[in-house]
Amino acid sequence: MKFTLGLLVGFGLGVAAGLLLAPQSGEATRAQLSEQGIMLRDRGAGLGEELRARASEAMTQGREIYQRTKDELGTIYTRTKSES
């Protein structure tokens, strides 16, 4: 209980200090945050396309490995069954 109270008081004091000691006005800060948000969103879109391409490549490789392993196991099974 004391920890939670201390955490909340510390958070409140930190917010108050941040507001009092801010180097620019609230309007300028909001504009800056908006610009940074747009930049992050644009950068994230490119990242999403790259991730999709990598995932598609990994799926293709996985399917190839699966098919090759399936064929090899089928061959081994057929050979073993015919020897019995």
C-alpha atoms as a PDB file:
ATOM      1  CA  MET A   1       0.000   0.000   0.000  1.00  0.00           C
ATOM      2  CA  LYS A   2       2.836   2.413   0.865  1.00  0.00           C
ATOM      3  CA  PHE A   3       4.593   1.547  -2.376  1.00  0.00           C
ATOM      4  CA  THR A   4       1.498   2.337  -4.474  1.00  0.00           C
ATOM      5  CA  LEU A   5       0.956   5.630  -2.651  1.00  0.00           C
ATOM      6  CA  GLY A   6       4.596   6.566  -3.139  1.00  0.00           C
ATOM      7  CA  LEU A   7       4.371   5.636  -6.804  1.00  0.00           C
ATOM      8  CA  LEU A   8       1.314   7.823  -7.336  1.00  0.00           C
ATOM      9  CA  VAL A   9       2.829  10.780  -5.452  1.00  0.00           C
ATOM     10  CA  GLY A  10       6.059  10.442  -7.437  1.00  0.00           C
ATOM     11  CA  PHE A  11       4.137  10.303 -10.689  1.00  0.00           C
ATOM     12  CA  GLY A  12       2.147  13.420  -9.770  1.00  0.00           C
ATOM     13  CA  LEU A  13       5.286  15.335  -8.792  1.00  0.00           C
ATOM     14  CA  GLY A  14       6.985  14.286 -12.021  1.00  0.00           C
ATOM     15  CA  VAL A  15       4.084  15.487 -14.136  1.00  0.00           C
ATOM     16  CA  ALA A  16       3.943  18.792 -12.251  1.00  0.00           C
ATOM     17  CA  ALA A  17       7.696  19.338 -12.632  1.00  0.00           C
ATOM     18  CA  GLY A  18       7.490  18.503 -16.335  1.00  0.00           C
ATOM     19  CA  LEU A  19       4.735  21.036 -16.880  1.00  0.00           C
ATOM     20  CA  LEU A  20       6.511  23.775 -14.941  1.00  0.00           C
ATOM     21  CA  LEU A  21       9.916  23.214 -16.492  1.00  0.00           C
ATOM     22  CA  ALA A  22       8.842  22.553 -20.098  1.00  0.00           C
ATOM     23  CA  PRO A  23      11.141  24.389 -22.552  1.00  0.00           C
ATOM     24  CA  GLN A  24       8.320  25.291 -24.948  1.00  0.00           C
ATOM     25  CA  SER A  25       4.618  26.020 -24.883  1.00  0.00           C
ATOM     26  CA  GLY A  26       1.991  23.307 -24.894  1.00  0.00           C
ATOM     27  CA  GLU A  27       0.917  24.230 -28.424  1.00  0.00           C
ATOM     28  CA  ALA A  28       4.469  23.851 -29.744  1.00  0.00           C
ATOM     29  CA  THR A  29       4.867  20.551 -27.898  1.00  0.00           C
ATOM     30  CA  ARG A  30       1.630  19.191 -29.387  1.00  0.00           C
ATOM     31  CA  ALA A  31       2.741  20.228 -32.892  1.00  0.00           C
ATOM     32  CA  GLN A  32       6.099  18.530 -32.391  1.00  0.00           C
ATOM     33  CA  LEU A  33       4.468  15.339 -31.115  1.00  0.00           C
ATOM     34  CA  SER A  34       2.088  15.346 -34.073  1.00  0.00           C
ATOM     35  CA  GLU A  35       4.981  15.657 -36.543  1.00  0.00           C
ATOM     36  CA  GLN A  36       6.886  12.853 -34.819  1.00  0.00           C
ATOM     37  CA  GLY A  37       3.779  10.670 -34.872  1.00  0.00           C
ATOM     38  CA  ILE A  38       3.424  11.166 -38.624  1.00  0.00           C
ATOM     39  CA  MET A  39       7.107  10.310 -39.155  1.00  0.00           C
ATOM     40  CA  LEU A  40       6.779   7.133 -37.066  1.00  0.00           C
ATOM     41  CA  ARG A  41       3.633   6.105 -38.925  1.00  0.00           C
ATOM     42  CA  ASP A  42       5.331   6.551 -42.303  1.00  0.00           C
ATOM     43  CA  ARG A  43       8.395   4.641 -41.172  1.00  0.00           C
ATOM     44  CA  GLY A  44       6.161   1.883 -39.793  1.00  0.00           C
ATOM     45  CA  ALA A  45       4.382   1.454 -43.131  1.00  0.00           C
ATOM     46  CA  GLY A  46       7.675   0.651 -44.866  1.00  0.00           C
ATOM     47  CA  LEU A  47       8.591  -1.725 -42.084  1.00  0.00           C
ATOM     48  CA  GLY A  48       5.275  -3.546 -42.449  1.00  0.00           C
ATOM     49  CA  GLU A  49       5.888  -4.178 -46.145  1.00  0.00           C
ATOM     50  CA  GLU A  50       9.373  -5.510 -45.396  1.00  0.00           C
ATOM     51  CA  LEU A  51       7.999  -7.833 -42.717  1.00  0.00           C
ATOM     52  CA  ARG A  52       5.330  -9.133 -45.098  1.00  0.00           C
ATOM     53  CA  ALA A  53       7.960  -9.869 -47.757  1.00  0.00           C
ATOM     54  CA  ARG A  54      10.140 -11.718 -45.246  1.00  0.00           C
ATOM     55  CA  ALA A  55       7.174 -13.681 -43.921  1.00  0.00           C
ATOM     56  CA  SER A  56       6.151 -14.655 -47.439  1.00  0.00           C
ATOM     57  CA  GLU A  57       9.688 -15.814 -48.204  1.00  0.00           C
ATOM     58  CA  ALA A  58       9.813 -17.823 -44.980  1.00  0.00           C
ATOM     59  CA  MET A  59       6.472 -19.470 -45.816  1.00  0.00           C
ATOM     60  CA  THR A  60       7.740 -20.426 -49.272  1.00  0.00           C
ATOM     61  CA  GLN A  61      10.894 -21.939 -47.816  1.00  0.00           C
ATOM     62  CA  GLY A  62       8.860 -23.777 -45.186  1.00  0.00           C
ATOM     63  CA  ARG A  63       6.570 -25.275 -47.826  1.00  0.00           C
ATOM     64  CA  GLU A  64       9.580 -26.404 -49.879  1.00  0.00           C
ATOM     65  CA  ILE A  65      11.199 -28.077 -46.862  1.00  0.00           C
ATOM     66  CA  TYR A  66       7.889 -29.711 -45.914  1.00  0.00           C
ATOM     67  CA  GLN A  67       7.377 -31.100 -49.429  1.00  0.00           C
ATOM     68  CA  ARG A  68      10.966 -32.358 -49.698  1.00  0.00           C
ATOM     69  CA  THR A  69      10.762 -34.056 -46.266  1.00  0.00           C
ATOM     70  CA  LYS A  70       7.387 -35.579 -47.106  1.00  0.00           C
ATOM     71  CA  ASP A  71       8.746 -36.983 -50.368  1.00  0.00           C
ATOM     72  CA  GLU A  72      11.860 -38.388 -48.662  1.00  0.00           C
ATOM     73  CA  LEU A  73       9.814 -40.030 -45.903  1.00  0.00           C
ATOM     74  CA  GLY A  74       7.430 -41.487 -48.483  1.00  0.00           C
ATOM     75  CA  THR A  75      10.351 -42.967 -50.388  1.00  0.00           C
ATOM     76  CA  ILE A  76      11.857 -44.437 -47.201  1.00  0.00           C
ATOM     77  CA  TYR A  77       8.467 -45.876 -46.184  1.00  0.00           C
ATOM     78  CA  THR A  78       7.910 -47.467 -49.583  1.00  0.00           C
ATOM     79  CA  ARG A  79      11.426 -48.942 -49.622  1.00  0.00           C
ATOM     80  CA  THR A  80      11.069 -50.296 -46.077  1.00  0.00           C
ATOM     81  CA  LYS A  81       7.639 -51.771 -46.790  1.00  0.00           C
ATOM     82  CA  SER A  82       8.839 -53.539 -49.940  1.00  0.00           C
ATOM     83  CA  GLU A  83      11.798 -55.071 -48.051  1.00  0.00           C
ATOM     84  CA  SER A  84       9.528 -56.579 -45.393  1.00  0.00           C
END
